[in-house]
Amino acid sequence: MTEGDFIIDSDDLVLVTGANRFYWNKPVIAPRTKGIMDYFDEDSLYFFEAGKADSLAKTILDVYRDSLRRQFIIEKGIKVYNEYRWESEKNTSWNW
């Protein structure tokens, strides 16, 4: 892996725009918060404990060390993301 091979989203508010990073075929690392975990699970996104640098560092190493798991998480994350994209949601229960 080289610089730019993964994306770190540090804030719940970045999730909507940050999740599109799956289309770059890059793993996404996000804080383990309720808002994010309402959509993504441990098999679809990399998580770290918010506010804990050692947790973030461990997660970055996990991304780096296990290429098979990394690809699995990216693929599952893309599937989850596609379920909640505006293009998928706009014709569901929204009353516009």
C-alpha atoms as a PDB file:
ATOM      1  CA  MET A   1       0.000   0.000   0.000  1.00  0.00           C
ATOM      2  CA  THR A   2       1.149   3.532  -0.675  1.00  0.00           C
ATOM      3  CA  GLU A   3       0.064   7.024   0.335  1.00  0.00           C
ATOM      4  CA  GLY A   4      -3.588   7.521  -0.539  1.00  0.00           C
ATOM      5  CA  ASP A   5      -4.434   3.822  -0.433  1.00  0.00           C
ATOM      6  CA  PHE A   6      -7.063   4.243   2.256  1.00  0.00           C
ATOM      7  CA  ILE A   7      -9.393   6.959   3.491  1.00  0.00           C
ATOM      8  CA  ILE A   8      -9.971   7.963   7.107  1.00  0.00           C
ATOM      9  CA  ASP A   9     -13.299   9.606   7.964  1.00  0.00           C
ATOM     10  CA  SER A  10     -13.070  11.104  11.412  1.00  0.00           C
ATOM     11  CA  ASP A  11     -16.554  12.560  11.767  1.00  0.00           C
ATOM     12  CA  ASP A  12     -20.092  11.225  11.381  1.00  0.00           C
ATOM     13  CA  LEU A  13     -20.957  14.197   9.214  1.00  0.00           C
ATOM     14  CA  VAL A  14     -18.431  13.120   6.604  1.00  0.00           C
ATOM     15  CA  LEU A  15     -20.008   9.700   6.142  1.00  0.00           C
ATOM     16  CA  VAL A  16     -22.428  10.714   3.401  1.00  0.00           C
ATOM     17  CA  THR A  17     -19.719  12.278   1.265  1.00  0.00           C
ATOM     18  CA  GLY A  18     -16.983  10.031   2.623  1.00  0.00           C
ATOM     19  CA  ALA A  19     -18.663   6.763   1.732  1.00  0.00           C
ATOM     20  CA  ASN A  20     -18.304   7.526  -1.961  1.00  0.00           C
ATOM     21  CA  ARG A  21     -14.651   6.638  -1.475  1.00  0.00           C
ATOM     22  CA  PHE A  22     -15.730   3.033  -1.982  1.00  0.00           C
ATOM     23  CA  TYR A  23     -15.899   3.897  -5.659  1.00  0.00           C
ATOM     24  CA  TRP A  24     -12.157   4.472  -5.560  1.00  0.00           C
ATOM     25  CA  ASN A  25     -11.898   0.864  -4.364  1.00  0.00           C
ATOM     26  CA  LYS A  26     -10.281   2.019  -1.129  1.00  0.00           C
ATOM     27  CA  PRO A  27     -11.026   0.847   2.409  1.00  0.00           C
ATOM     28  CA  VAL A  28     -12.812   3.370   4.609  1.00  0.00           C
ATOM     29  CA  ILE A  29     -11.859   3.780   8.269  1.00  0.00           C
ATOM     30  CA  ALA A  30     -14.451   5.479  10.467  1.00  0.00           C
ATOM     31  CA  PRO A  31     -15.072   5.990  14.187  1.00  0.00           C
ATOM     32  CA  ARG A  32     -17.278   3.387  15.826  1.00  0.00           C
ATOM     33  CA  THR A  33     -20.318   5.603  16.428  1.00  0.00           C
ATOM     34  CA  LYS A  34     -24.018   4.800  16.438  1.00  0.00           C
ATOM     35  CA  GLY A  35     -24.746   6.865  13.336  1.00  0.00           C
ATOM     36  CA  ILE A  36     -22.229   5.005  11.217  1.00  0.00           C
ATOM     37  CA  MET A  37     -22.998   1.608  12.727  1.00  0.00           C
ATOM     38  CA  ASP A  38     -26.674   2.080  11.883  1.00  0.00           C
ATOM     39  CA  TYR A  39     -25.614   1.388   8.298  1.00  0.00           C
ATOM     40  CA  PHE A  40     -22.258  -0.391   8.311  1.00  0.00           C
ATOM     41  CA  ASP A  41     -21.029  -3.376  10.320  1.00  0.00           C
ATOM     42  CA  GLU A  42     -17.613  -4.857  11.058  1.00  0.00           C
ATOM     43  CA  ASP A  43     -17.597  -6.655   7.696  1.00  0.00           C
ATOM     44  CA  SER A  44     -18.331  -3.571   5.596  1.00  0.00           C
ATOM     45  CA  LEU A  45     -16.161  -0.838   7.117  1.00  0.00           C
ATOM     46  CA  TYR A  46     -13.032  -0.534   9.258  1.00  0.00           C
ATOM     47  CA  PHE A  47     -13.740   0.968  12.678  1.00  0.00           C
ATOM     48  CA  PHE A  48     -11.678   2.588  15.407  1.00  0.00           C
ATOM     49  CA  GLU A  49     -12.670   3.879  18.821  1.00  0.00           C
ATOM     50  CA  ALA A  50     -13.381   7.594  18.491  1.00  0.00           C
ATOM     51  CA  GLY A  51     -10.818   9.768  20.262  1.00  0.00           C
ATOM     52  CA  LYS A  52      -8.304   6.934  20.712  1.00  0.00           C
ATOM     53  CA  ALA A  53      -5.185   7.310  18.598  1.00  0.00           C
ATOM     54  CA  ASP A  54      -3.941   3.813  19.481  1.00  0.00           C
ATOM     55  CA  SER A  55      -7.191   2.318  18.175  1.00  0.00           C
ATOM     56  CA  LEU A  56      -6.843   4.252  14.918  1.00  0.00           C
ATOM     57  CA  ALA A  57      -3.210   3.157  14.571  1.00  0.00           C
ATOM     58  CA  LYS A  58      -4.156  -0.500  15.129  1.00  0.00           C
ATOM     59  CA  THR A  59      -6.918  -0.245  12.533  1.00  0.00           C
ATOM     60  CA  ILE A  60      -4.558   1.285   9.968  1.00  0.00           C
ATOM     61  CA  LEU A  61      -2.151  -1.608  10.537  1.00  0.00           C
ATOM     62  CA  ASP A  62      -5.011  -4.106  10.186  1.00  0.00           C
ATOM     63  CA  VAL A  63      -5.909  -2.554   6.819  1.00  0.00           C
ATOM     64  CA  TYR A  64      -2.297  -2.722   5.701  1.00  0.00           C
ATOM     65  CA  ARG A  65      -1.530  -6.265   6.872  1.00  0.00           C
ATOM     66  CA  ASP A  66      -4.480  -8.284   5.571  1.00  0.00           C
ATOM     67  CA  SER A  67      -5.097  -7.762   1.860  1.00  0.00           C
ATOM     68  CA  LEU A  68      -7.733 -10.525   1.576  1.00  0.00           C
ATOM     69  CA  ARG A  69      -9.847  -9.104   4.403  1.00  0.00           C
ATOM     70  CA  ARG A  70      -9.305  -5.587   3.024  1.00  0.00           C
ATOM     71  CA  GLN A  71     -10.789  -6.576  -0.336  1.00  0.00           C
ATOM     72  CA  PHE A  72     -13.695  -8.397   1.357  1.00  0.00           C
ATOM     73  CA  ILE A  73     -14.529  -5.311   3.456  1.00  0.00           C
ATOM     74  CA  ILE A  74     -14.310  -2.998   0.435  1.00  0.00           C
ATOM     75  CA  GLU A  75     -16.670  -5.206  -1.591  1.00  0.00           C
ATOM     76  CA  LYS A  76     -19.203  -5.546   1.227  1.00  0.00           C
ATOM     77  CA  GLY A  77     -18.947  -1.826   1.990  1.00  0.00           C
ATOM     78  CA  ILE A  78     -19.754  -0.991  -1.624  1.00  0.00           C
ATOM     79  CA  LYS A  79     -22.874  -3.187  -1.451  1.00  0.00           C
ATOM     80  CA  VAL A  80     -24.072  -1.498   1.750  1.00  0.00           C
ATOM     81  CA  TYR A  81     -23.297   1.954   0.397  1.00  0.00           C
ATOM     82  CA  ASN A  82     -25.237   1.253  -2.802  1.00  0.00           C
ATOM     83  CA  GLU A  83     -28.324   0.343  -0.760  1.00  0.00           C
ATOM     84  CA  TYR A  84     -28.402   3.827   0.790  1.00  0.00           C
ATOM     85  CA  ARG A  85     -27.273   6.025  -2.092  1.00  0.00           C
ATOM     86  CA  TRP A  86     -29.731   8.746  -3.054  1.00  0.00           C
ATOM     87  CA  GLU A  87     -30.301   7.062  -6.408  1.00  0.00           C
ATOM     88  CA  SER A  88     -31.561   3.991  -4.528  1.00  0.00           C
ATOM     89  CA  GLU A  89     -33.502   5.825  -1.824  1.00  0.00           C
ATOM     90  CA  LYS A  90     -35.234   8.637  -3.708  1.00  0.00           C
ATOM     91  CA  ASN A  91     -38.106   6.467  -4.930  1.00  0.00           C
ATOM     92  CA  THR A  92     -38.751   4.649  -1.661  1.00  0.00           C
ATOM     93  CA  SER A  93     -40.577   6.179   1.298  1.00  0.00           C
ATOM     94  CA  TRP A  94     -39.637   9.808   0.660  1.00  0.00           C
ATOM     95  CA  ASN A  95     -42.634  12.016   0.109  1.00  0.00           C
ATOM     96  CA  TRP A  96     -41.263  14.787  -2.130  1.00  0.00           C
END
